[in-house]
């Protein structure tokens, strides 16, 4: 049987070999919709903001954060002690930087990333020096300061922990009368010399002399200001002392101080009146000190970033800043957020500064090695 081509015989219809949309005047199905979609996509891409225009709402808070850190000293204190409150927790404002960076990367915003350079540089300028370990081996004298807490459930255990630090000089604060007896008993063997003045005391392996109290409890607190204080803050119990430690390199003046507590309340804001008055009194005492070698140990209820401590920081420098490892936060012991327990020096060199393990107190002990 012979196969016949239908195109030649005229039977049937030949295959249409024309290109889609040509010859008939009718576009192939879907072609017009495809080109329209492409055009719309091109318009969207062309109108989409570039990386420098995206994320402007993130760039603005980044710049504000940088200015906030840079100009923190300009925040007024007369409005509820706001300046001191901010400076107490100033390092923690750096946590906003990774949050803003994550937002900038998510938005792929070059402007927000560049804006973040300001708070990063300011924060590193303020606190970058605390990130590394600046300690050096060896020292002539080791000092320890610890607010042992009046509510400490185990003063005997705390005493043993502190004695194990092998400190030459040990300052204890917030001593109760009952706990004082325990500390005297537990520390007697390791520290043959000690003095207790009110709620603060100093235990030493070296002889002590010329001991006296320093009035930081009620200095400048008169009239209605004093009347407004809680009853527990109106006592005349000494909260600071000054003594001389006899060392092989000569006399060392040691101050032990527990400044007044601070409070935050909706009406008064950050209330620091008693603490600040005590700071001024302590600053005057240190300014009048004849010995060129001075160590201040204590719970100052504030950080050295707080402008309120200018009278002290103008004369003494922080062992933690000079020879510490990290921020050295000490309070509260369960989750420290601020270093309010200080070791400050003049005329001697800090070789190391560290925070000791927790005891039964709500504060962590601090230690420093110093050299002549």
Protein backbone atom coordinates (compact mmCIF):
# COMPACT_ATOMS: atom_id res chain seq x y z
CA UNK A 1 0.00 0.00 0.00
CA UNK A 2 1.32 3.44 -0.95
CA UNK A 3 1.23 6.27 1.69
CA UNK A 4 -0.19 9.51 0.26
CA UNK A 5 0.81 13.00 1.56
CA UNK A 6 -2.39 14.86 2.34
CA UNK A 7 -0.72 18.17 1.52
CA UNK A 8 -0.24 17.04 -2.07
CA UNK A 9 -3.70 15.48 -2.55
CA UNK A 10 -5.50 18.43 -0.95
CA UNK A 11 -7.13 16.20 1.58
CA UNK A 12 -6.83 17.35 5.20
CA UNK A 13 -5.02 20.54 6.42
CA UNK A 14 -1.28 21.06 6.34
CA UNK A 15 0.56 21.84 9.58
CA UNK A 16 0.77 25.57 10.43
CA UNK A 17 4.47 26.39 10.43
CA UNK A 18 4.10 30.12 11.12
CA UNK A 19 5.69 31.64 14.28
CA UNK A 20 3.28 32.42 17.15
CA UNK A 21 1.63 35.76 16.74
CA UNK A 22 2.69 36.18 13.09
CA UNK A 23 0.47 36.19 10.10
CA UNK A 24 -2.86 35.82 11.87
CA UNK A 25 -2.71 39.08 13.88
CA UNK A 26 -3.67 37.21 17.08
CA UNK A 27 -1.01 36.76 19.81
CA UNK A 28 -0.37 33.32 21.16
CA UNK A 29 -1.98 32.57 24.49
CA UNK A 30 -0.02 33.92 27.52
CA UNK A 31 2.53 35.94 25.53
CA UNK A 32 1.01 39.34 26.25
CA UNK A 33 0.61 38.49 29.98
CA UNK A 34 4.25 37.43 30.19
CA UNK A 35 5.55 40.70 28.77
CA UNK A 36 3.30 42.73 31.06
CA UNK A 37 4.59 40.84 34.10
CA UNK A 38 8.16 41.53 33.00
CA UNK A 39 7.43 45.21 32.58
CA UNK A 40 5.78 45.45 35.99
CA UNK A 41 8.75 43.66 37.59
CA UNK A 42 11.20 46.03 35.92
CA UNK A 43 9.24 49.02 37.21
CA UNK A 44 9.25 47.62 40.72
CA UNK A 45 13.00 47.05 40.62
CA UNK A 46 13.64 50.52 39.25
CA UNK A 47 11.45 52.17 41.89
CA UNK A 48 12.80 50.08 44.81
CA UNK A 49 14.98 52.21 47.17
CA UNK A 50 18.69 51.47 47.05
CA UNK A 51 20.76 50.31 50.03
CA UNK A 52 21.49 53.92 51.01
CA UNK A 53 17.81 54.85 51.07
CA UNK A 54 16.59 51.73 52.82
CA UNK A 55 16.48 51.57 56.61
CA UNK A 56 16.49 55.29 57.32
CA UNK A 57 14.23 54.60 60.29
CA UNK A 58 17.05 52.44 61.69
CA UNK A 59 19.80 54.93 60.88
CA UNK A 60 18.09 57.64 62.93
CA UNK A 61 18.07 55.75 66.29
CA UNK A 62 21.64 54.60 65.62
CA UNK A 63 22.79 58.22 65.35
CA UNK A 64 20.74 59.17 68.41
CA UNK A 65 22.33 56.34 70.40
CA UNK A 66 25.79 57.56 69.41
CA UNK A 67 24.99 61.12 70.45
CA UNK A 68 23.45 59.85 73.69
CA UNK A 69 26.65 58.00 74.60
CA UNK A 70 28.85 60.87 73.46
CA UNK A 71 26.96 63.55 75.38
CA UNK A 72 25.88 61.58 78.45
CA UNK A 73 27.61 64.09 80.72
CA UNK A 74 25.21 66.76 79.45
CA UNK A 75 22.13 64.92 80.69
CA UNK A 76 20.91 67.08 83.58
CA UNK A 77 20.92 65.69 87.08
CA UNK A 78 18.41 68.19 88.40
CA UNK A 79 15.61 66.22 86.74
CA UNK A 80 15.25 63.31 89.14
CA UNK A 81 18.98 62.53 89.14
CA UNK A 82 18.62 61.31 85.55
CA UNK A 83 22.25 61.94 84.65
CA UNK A 84 23.60 59.80 87.50
CA UNK A 85 21.05 57.06 86.79
CA UNK A 86 22.11 56.86 83.14
CA UNK A 87 25.81 56.86 84.03
CA UNK A 88 25.34 54.10 86.59
CA UNK A 89 24.26 51.71 83.84
CA UNK A 90 26.00 53.40 80.91
CA UNK A 91 27.88 50.32 79.59
CA UNK A 92 24.61 48.45 79.13
CA UNK A 93 23.39 50.91 76.50
CA UNK A 94 25.84 49.20 74.18
CA UNK A 95 23.37 46.29 73.94
CA UNK A 96 21.29 48.42 71.58
CA UNK A 97 24.11 48.24 69.01
CA UNK A 98 23.73 44.54 68.04
CA UNK A 99 19.94 44.96 68.00
CA UNK A 100 20.18 47.83 65.53
CA UNK A 101 22.84 45.98 63.53
CA UNK A 102 20.56 42.97 63.15
CA UNK A 103 17.81 45.25 61.86
CA UNK A 104 20.20 46.96 59.43
CA UNK A 105 21.37 43.62 58.01
CA UNK A 106 17.81 42.39 57.70
CA UNK A 107 16.85 45.52 55.77
CA UNK A 108 20.15 45.42 53.84
CA UNK A 109 20.56 49.07 54.71
CA UNK A 110 23.98 50.56 54.08
CA UNK A 111 22.93 53.86 55.66
CA UNK A 112 21.94 52.17 58.94
CA UNK A 113 25.21 50.21 59.08
CA UNK A 114 27.27 53.35 58.53
CA UNK A 115 25.21 55.25 61.13
CA UNK A 116 26.03 52.52 63.66
CA UNK A 117 29.72 53.39 63.40
CA UNK A 118 29.09 56.40 65.65
CA UNK A 119 27.75 54.51 68.73
CA UNK A 120 30.30 51.73 68.17
CA UNK A 121 33.25 54.13 68.19
CA UNK A 122 31.92 56.10 71.17
CA UNK A 123 31.21 52.97 73.20
CA UNK A 124 34.65 51.54 72.45
CA UNK A 125 36.24 54.84 73.43
CA UNK A 126 34.39 54.76 76.76
CA UNK A 127 34.65 51.08 77.62
CA UNK A 128 36.88 49.32 75.11
CA UNK A 129 39.82 49.50 77.52
CA UNK A 130 37.93 47.28 79.98
CA UNK A 131 37.51 44.39 77.56
CA UNK A 132 41.04 43.00 77.82
CA UNK A 133 43.04 41.62 80.73
CA UNK A 134 45.43 44.31 81.98
CA UNK A 135 46.72 42.49 85.05
CA UNK A 136 50.40 41.86 85.75
CA UNK A 137 51.92 39.08 87.86
CA UNK A 138 53.23 39.89 91.31
CA UNK A 139 52.42 42.67 93.78
CA UNK A 140 53.65 44.06 97.10
CA UNK A 141 50.27 43.98 98.82
CA UNK A 142 46.88 42.40 98.21
CA UNK A 143 43.74 44.19 99.41
CA UNK A 144 40.15 42.95 99.46
CA UNK A 145 36.90 44.83 100.01
CA UNK A 146 33.55 43.19 100.67
CA UNK A 147 30.10 44.33 101.70
CA UNK A 148 29.26 41.23 103.72
CA UNK A 149 25.56 42.20 104.04
CA UNK A 150 23.69 42.58 107.29
CA UNK A 151 21.39 39.76 106.16
CA UNK A 152 24.21 37.32 105.41
CA UNK A 153 23.00 33.87 106.57
CA UNK A 154 26.53 32.46 106.90
CA UNK A 155 29.05 35.02 108.21
CA UNK A 156 31.40 32.25 109.37
CA UNK A 157 31.52 30.78 105.87
CA UNK A 158 32.04 34.23 104.39
CA UNK A 159 34.95 34.85 106.77
CA UNK A 160 36.60 31.58 105.75
CA UNK A 161 36.14 32.37 102.05
CA UNK A 162 37.73 35.79 102.49
CA UNK A 163 40.64 34.42 104.51
CA UNK A 164 41.28 31.93 101.69
CA UNK A 165 41.89 34.87 99.33
CA UNK A 166 45.21 35.38 101.16
CA UNK A 167 44.66 39.15 101.26
CA UNK A 168 47.05 41.22 103.37
CA UNK A 169 44.36 43.78 104.13
CA UNK A 170 40.67 42.96 104.30
CA UNK A 171 37.87 45.55 104.53
CA UNK A 172 34.40 44.46 105.64
CA UNK A 173 31.29 46.61 105.40
CA UNK A 174 27.71 46.44 106.68
CA UNK A 175 28.76 44.67 109.86
CA UNK A 176 26.11 43.96 112.47
CA UNK A 177 27.06 43.65 116.12
CA UNK A 178 26.30 39.94 116.16
CA UNK A 179 28.17 39.23 112.92
CA UNK A 180 31.17 41.29 114.06
CA UNK A 181 31.86 38.79 116.84
CA UNK A 182 31.80 35.95 114.30
CA UNK A 183 34.20 37.71 111.92
CA UNK A 184 36.58 38.58 114.76
CA UNK A 185 36.65 34.94 115.82
CA UNK A 186 37.04 33.45 112.35
CA UNK A 187 39.66 35.93 111.13
CA UNK A 188 41.74 36.20 114.32
CA UNK A 189 44.34 33.62 113.28
CA UNK A 190 45.01 34.97 109.78
CA UNK A 191 44.68 38.65 110.70
CA UNK A 192 46.18 39.59 114.05
CA UNK A 193 45.37 43.30 113.64
CA UNK A 194 41.92 44.73 113.14
CA UNK A 195 39.72 47.71 113.86
CA UNK A 196 35.95 48.11 113.69
CA UNK A 197 34.27 51.50 113.61
CA UNK A 198 30.50 51.30 113.54
CA UNK A 199 29.46 49.13 110.60
CA UNK A 200 32.85 49.06 108.83
CA UNK A 201 36.03 47.25 109.79
CA UNK A 202 39.54 46.48 108.60
CA UNK A 203 41.49 43.27 109.24
CA UNK A 204 45.22 43.26 108.51
CA UNK A 205 48.30 41.04 108.64
CA UNK A 206 50.30 44.22 109.22
CA UNK A 207 50.16 46.63 112.18
CA UNK A 208 47.56 49.41 112.19
CA UNK A 209 47.82 52.87 113.72
CA UNK A 210 46.25 56.33 113.72
CA UNK A 211 42.74 54.96 113.27
CA UNK A 212 39.77 57.33 113.28
CA UNK A 213 36.28 57.59 111.90
CA UNK A 214 35.30 59.67 108.89
CA UNK A 215 31.85 61.25 109.01
CA UNK A 216 30.12 60.34 105.75
CA UNK A 217 26.71 59.38 107.15
CA UNK A 218 25.03 62.72 107.77
CA UNK A 219 27.42 65.31 106.33
CA UNK A 220 25.40 68.15 104.86
CA UNK A 221 22.08 66.48 105.65
CA UNK A 222 20.18 69.09 107.63
CA UNK A 223 16.66 70.42 107.94
CA UNK A 224 13.95 68.95 105.79
CA UNK A 225 16.49 66.97 103.76
CA UNK A 226 17.56 65.01 106.84
CA UNK A 227 13.95 64.69 108.02
CA UNK A 228 13.03 63.04 104.73
CA UNK A 229 15.52 60.23 105.22
CA UNK A 230 14.32 56.78 106.31
CA UNK A 231 14.82 56.04 110.00
CA UNK A 232 17.60 53.53 109.34
CA UNK A 233 19.65 56.23 107.56
CA UNK A 234 19.47 58.73 110.45
CA UNK A 235 21.68 56.78 112.81
CA UNK A 236 24.97 58.23 113.96
CA UNK A 237 26.74 54.89 113.50
CA UNK A 238 30.06 55.45 111.69
CA UNK A 239 30.14 54.23 108.10
CA UNK A 240 33.76 55.08 107.26
CA UNK A 241 37.20 54.92 108.84
CA UNK A 242 40.77 55.88 108.13
CA UNK A 243 43.82 53.99 109.37
CA UNK A 244 47.52 53.59 108.61
CA UNK A 245 48.93 50.21 107.59
CA UNK A 246 52.63 49.73 108.33
CA UNK A 247 54.26 48.06 105.32
CA UNK A 248 57.89 47.26 104.44
CA UNK A 249 57.76 50.09 101.90
CA UNK A 250 56.41 52.63 104.36
CA UNK A 251 53.04 53.75 105.72
CA UNK A 252 49.90 53.30 103.64
CA UNK A 253 46.76 55.29 104.40
CA UNK A 254 43.69 53.09 104.01
CA UNK A 255 40.12 54.40 103.94
CA UNK A 256 37.13 52.09 104.32
CA UNK A 257 33.77 53.61 103.42
CA UNK A 258 30.15 52.59 102.96
CA UNK A 259 28.32 55.54 101.42
CA UNK A 260 24.59 56.07 101.73
CA UNK A 261 22.20 53.98 99.71
CA UNK A 262 20.38 55.25 96.62
CA UNK A 263 16.74 54.81 95.74
CA UNK A 264 14.61 54.99 92.62
CA UNK A 265 10.99 56.04 93.02
CA UNK A 266 8.36 57.53 90.70
CA UNK A 267 8.14 60.82 92.59
CA UNK A 268 11.76 61.60 93.40
CA UNK A 269 13.49 59.78 90.56
CA UNK A 270 17.03 58.60 91.31
CA UNK A 271 17.55 59.79 94.88
CA UNK A 272 21.26 60.09 95.78
CA UNK A 273 21.31 63.00 98.24
CA UNK A 274 22.80 61.14 101.18
CA UNK A 275 25.33 59.28 99.07
CA UNK A 276 26.45 62.44 97.31
CA UNK A 277 26.84 64.31 100.60
CA UNK A 278 28.96 61.45 101.92
CA UNK A 279 31.04 61.49 98.74
CA UNK A 280 31.84 65.17 99.23
CA UNK A 281 32.82 64.56 102.85
CA UNK A 282 35.02 61.62 101.87
CA UNK A 283 36.59 63.66 99.09
CA UNK A 284 37.51 66.40 101.57
CA UNK A 285 39.06 63.87 103.94
CA UNK A 286 41.19 62.37 101.16
CA UNK A 287 42.22 65.83 99.96
CA UNK A 288 43.48 66.61 103.46
CA UNK A 289 45.38 63.30 103.70
CA UNK A 290 49.11 63.89 104.29
CA UNK A 291 50.23 60.44 103.22
CA UNK A 292 50.92 60.35 99.49
CA UNK A 293 50.05 56.63 99.32
CA UNK A 294 46.30 56.08 99.72
CA UNK A 295 43.91 53.19 99.15
CA UNK A 296 40.13 53.53 99.36
CA UNK A 297 38.13 50.33 99.88
CA UNK A 298 34.39 50.27 100.05
CA UNK A 299 30.85 50.08 98.83
CA UNK A 300 30.30 53.52 97.34
CA UNK A 301 26.81 52.73 96.02
CA UNK A 302 27.72 54.04 92.61
CA UNK A 303 30.00 53.51 89.63
CA UNK A 304 33.00 55.64 88.77
CA UNK A 305 31.27 56.71 85.56
CA UNK A 306 28.81 58.67 87.72
CA UNK A 307 29.65 62.38 87.74
CA UNK A 308 28.68 62.52 91.41
CA UNK A 309 32.06 60.97 92.31
CA UNK A 310 34.14 63.74 90.76
CA UNK A 311 35.56 64.79 94.15
CA UNK A 312 37.02 61.30 94.60
CA UNK A 313 37.97 60.39 91.03
CA UNK A 314 39.89 63.66 90.72
CA UNK A 315 42.28 62.34 93.41
CA UNK A 316 42.20 58.54 93.08
CA UNK A 317 42.08 56.14 90.17
CA UNK A 318 40.34 52.79 89.88
CA UNK A 319 42.36 49.59 90.20
CA UNK A 320 39.79 47.89 87.98
CA UNK A 321 40.27 50.42 85.18
CA UNK A 322 44.06 50.20 85.42
CA UNK A 323 44.63 46.48 85.93
CA UNK A 324 41.32 44.63 85.72
CA UNK A 325 39.85 42.04 83.41
CA UNK A 326 36.43 43.06 82.13
CA UNK A 327 33.88 45.32 83.79
CA UNK A 328 34.12 43.72 87.23
CA UNK A 329 30.42 44.09 88.09
CA UNK A 330 29.74 43.31 91.75
CA UNK A 331 26.05 43.90 92.46
CA UNK A 332 23.69 42.15 92.81
CA UNK A 333 25.67 38.96 93.33
CA UNK A 334 23.19 36.71 91.48
CA UNK A 335 23.28 38.82 88.32
CA UNK A 336 25.78 41.69 88.63
CA UNK A 337 24.89 44.76 86.57
CA UNK A 338 27.06 47.46 88.16
CA UNK A 339 30.39 47.80 89.94
CA UNK A 340 29.50 49.71 93.08
CA UNK A 341 32.22 48.09 95.22
CA UNK A 342 35.47 49.92 94.60
CA UNK A 343 39.22 49.82 95.15
CA UNK A 344 40.73 53.21 94.37
CA UNK A 345 44.38 54.18 94.80
CA UNK A 346 46.86 57.05 94.82
CA UNK A 347 50.66 56.85 94.99
CA UNK A 348 50.75 53.09 94.34
CA UNK A 349 50.39 51.04 91.15
CA UNK A 350 47.61 48.47 90.68
CA UNK A 351 49.04 45.24 89.26
CA UNK A 352 45.79 43.27 89.18
CA UNK A 353 42.11 43.64 89.98
CA UNK A 354 39.50 40.91 90.09
CA UNK A 355 36.10 39.94 91.43
CA UNK A 356 36.11 37.06 93.91
CA UNK A 357 33.54 34.24 94.04
CA UNK A 358 30.19 34.84 95.70
CA UNK A 359 29.71 34.47 99.44
CA UNK A 360 26.51 34.66 101.47
CA UNK A 361 26.25 38.38 100.64
CA UNK A 362 24.27 40.12 97.93
CA UNK A 363 27.56 41.78 96.86
CA UNK A 364 30.63 40.14 95.31
CA UNK A 365 34.04 40.73 96.94
CA UNK A 366 36.71 42.65 95.01
CA UNK A 367 40.49 42.22 95.27
CA UNK A 368 43.49 44.10 93.93
CA UNK A 369 47.24 43.62 94.01
CA UNK A 370 49.22 46.86 94.38
CA UNK A 371 52.91 47.70 94.17
CA UNK A 372 55.10 50.61 95.08
